[in-house]
Amino acid sequence: MNNIGNLDRLFRAVIGLVLISLVYTGPQTVWGWAGLIPLATAITSFCPLYTVLGIRTCRSKTND
């Protein structure tokens, strides 16, 4: 079940890619690999933490 909306997905993908790029440029620390987490949640449209907190940023599907 998806719980991440399109704008949230875009934001997560950008943040993830920026963090990963820090591994190759900038301070070149392993902390840049933390960008895999927001990137993975953007790709799958699912955030386990949102489930625990009861948050949904995507539109709910209604049965008409």
C-alpha atoms as a PDB file:
ATOM      1  CA  MET A   1       0.000   0.000   0.000  1.00  0.00           C
ATOM      2  CA  ASN A   2       1.394   3.396  -0.977  1.00  0.00           C
ATOM      3  CA  ASN A   3       1.546   6.109   1.670  1.00  0.00           C
ATOM      4  CA  ILE A   4       3.777   8.687  -0.047  1.00  0.00           C
ATOM      5  CA  GLY A   5       2.364  11.272  -2.458  1.00  0.00           C
ATOM      6  CA  ASN A   6       3.994  12.584  -5.626  1.00  0.00           C
ATOM      7  CA  LEU A   7       5.414  15.790  -4.126  1.00  0.00           C
ATOM      8  CA  ASP A   8       6.790  13.848  -1.156  1.00  0.00           C
ATOM      9  CA  ARG A   9       8.343  11.296  -3.542  1.00  0.00           C
ATOM     10  CA  LEU A  10      10.028  14.053  -5.549  1.00  0.00           C
ATOM     11  CA  PHE A  11      11.399  15.676  -2.407  1.00  0.00           C
ATOM     12  CA  ARG A  12      12.739  12.351  -1.101  1.00  0.00           C
ATOM     13  CA  ALA A  13      14.344  11.469  -4.442  1.00  0.00           C
ATOM     14  CA  VAL A  14      16.120  14.820  -4.666  1.00  0.00           C
ATOM     15  CA  ILE A  15      17.330  14.667  -1.053  1.00  0.00           C
ATOM     16  CA  GLY A  16      18.487  11.067  -1.533  1.00  0.00           C
ATOM     17  CA  LEU A  17      20.416  11.856  -4.700  1.00  0.00           C
ATOM     18  CA  VAL A  18      22.033  14.918  -3.118  1.00  0.00           C
ATOM     19  CA  LEU A  19      23.155  12.889  -0.107  1.00  0.00           C
ATOM     20  CA  ILE A  20      24.521  10.095  -2.300  1.00  0.00           C
ATOM     21  CA  SER A  21      26.393  12.626  -4.439  1.00  0.00           C
ATOM     22  CA  LEU A  22      28.192  13.784  -1.277  1.00  0.00           C
ATOM     23  CA  VAL A  23      29.955  10.418  -1.214  1.00  0.00           C
ATOM     24  CA  TYR A  24      31.719  11.321  -4.459  1.00  0.00           C
ATOM     25  CA  THR A  25      32.036  15.109  -4.040  1.00  0.00           C
ATOM     26  CA  GLY A  26      32.184  17.363  -1.023  1.00  0.00           C
ATOM     27  CA  PRO A  27      33.218  15.858   2.320  1.00  0.00           C
ATOM     28  CA  GLN A  28      33.319  12.294   0.881  1.00  0.00           C
ATOM     29  CA  THR A  29      32.101  10.584   4.032  1.00  0.00           C
ATOM     30  CA  VAL A  30      30.065   7.398   4.350  1.00  0.00           C
ATOM     31  CA  TRP A  31      27.154   9.420   5.753  1.00  0.00           C
ATOM     32  CA  GLY A  32      26.193  10.201   2.176  1.00  0.00           C
ATOM     33  CA  TRP A  33      25.023   6.615   1.808  1.00  0.00           C
ATOM     34  CA  ALA A  34      22.167   7.494   4.181  1.00  0.00           C
ATOM     35  CA  GLY A  35      20.630   8.959   1.027  1.00  0.00           C
ATOM     36  CA  LEU A  36      19.706   5.419  -0.002  1.00  0.00           C
ATOM     37  CA  ILE A  37      16.888   5.451   2.546  1.00  0.00           C
ATOM     38  CA  PRO A  38      14.916   8.429   1.150  1.00  0.00           C
ATOM     39  CA  LEU A  39      15.693   7.283  -2.393  1.00  0.00           C
ATOM     40  CA  ALA A  40      14.370   3.770  -1.697  1.00  0.00           C
ATOM     41  CA  THR A  41      11.198   5.117  -0.085  1.00  0.00           C
ATOM     42  CA  ALA A  42      10.686   7.416  -3.079  1.00  0.00           C
ATOM     43  CA  ILE A  43      11.029   4.514  -5.504  1.00  0.00           C
ATOM     44  CA  THR A  44       8.657   2.233  -3.588  1.00  0.00           C
ATOM     45  CA  SER A  45       6.180   4.996  -2.540  1.00  0.00           C
ATOM     46  CA  PHE A  46       6.123   3.428   0.908  1.00  0.00           C
ATOM     47  CA  CYS A  47       7.572   4.704   4.179  1.00  0.00           C
ATOM     48  CA  PRO A  48       7.447   2.342   7.180  1.00  0.00           C
ATOM     49  CA  LEU A  49       7.760   5.271   9.597  1.00  0.00           C
ATOM     50  CA  TYR A  50       4.674   6.919   8.054  1.00  0.00           C
ATOM     51  CA  THR A  51       2.770   3.686   8.751  1.00  0.00           C
ATOM     52  CA  VAL A  52       3.791   3.712  12.411  1.00  0.00           C
ATOM     53  CA  LEU A  53       2.884   7.401  12.771  1.00  0.00           C
ATOM     54  CA  GLY A  54      -0.357   7.072  10.780  1.00  0.00           C
ATOM     55  CA  ILE A  55       0.699   9.589   8.117  1.00  0.00           C
ATOM     56  CA  ARG A  56      -0.346   9.475   4.456  1.00  0.00           C
ATOM     57  CA  THR A  57       0.687  12.094   1.906  1.00  0.00           C
ATOM     58  CA  CYS A  58      -0.906  10.371  -1.091  1.00  0.00           C
ATOM     59  CA  ARG A  59      -4.496  10.598  -2.139  1.00  0.00           C
ATOM     60  CA  SER A  60      -6.614   7.786  -0.797  1.00  0.00           C
ATOM     61  CA  LYS A  61      -8.360   5.565  -3.298  1.00  0.00           C
ATOM     62  CA  THR A  62     -12.111   5.552  -2.917  1.00  0.00           C
ATOM     63  CA  ASN A  63     -14.446   2.793  -3.988  1.00  0.00           C
ATOM     64  CA  ASP A  64     -17.125   4.455  -6.110  1.00  0.00           C
END
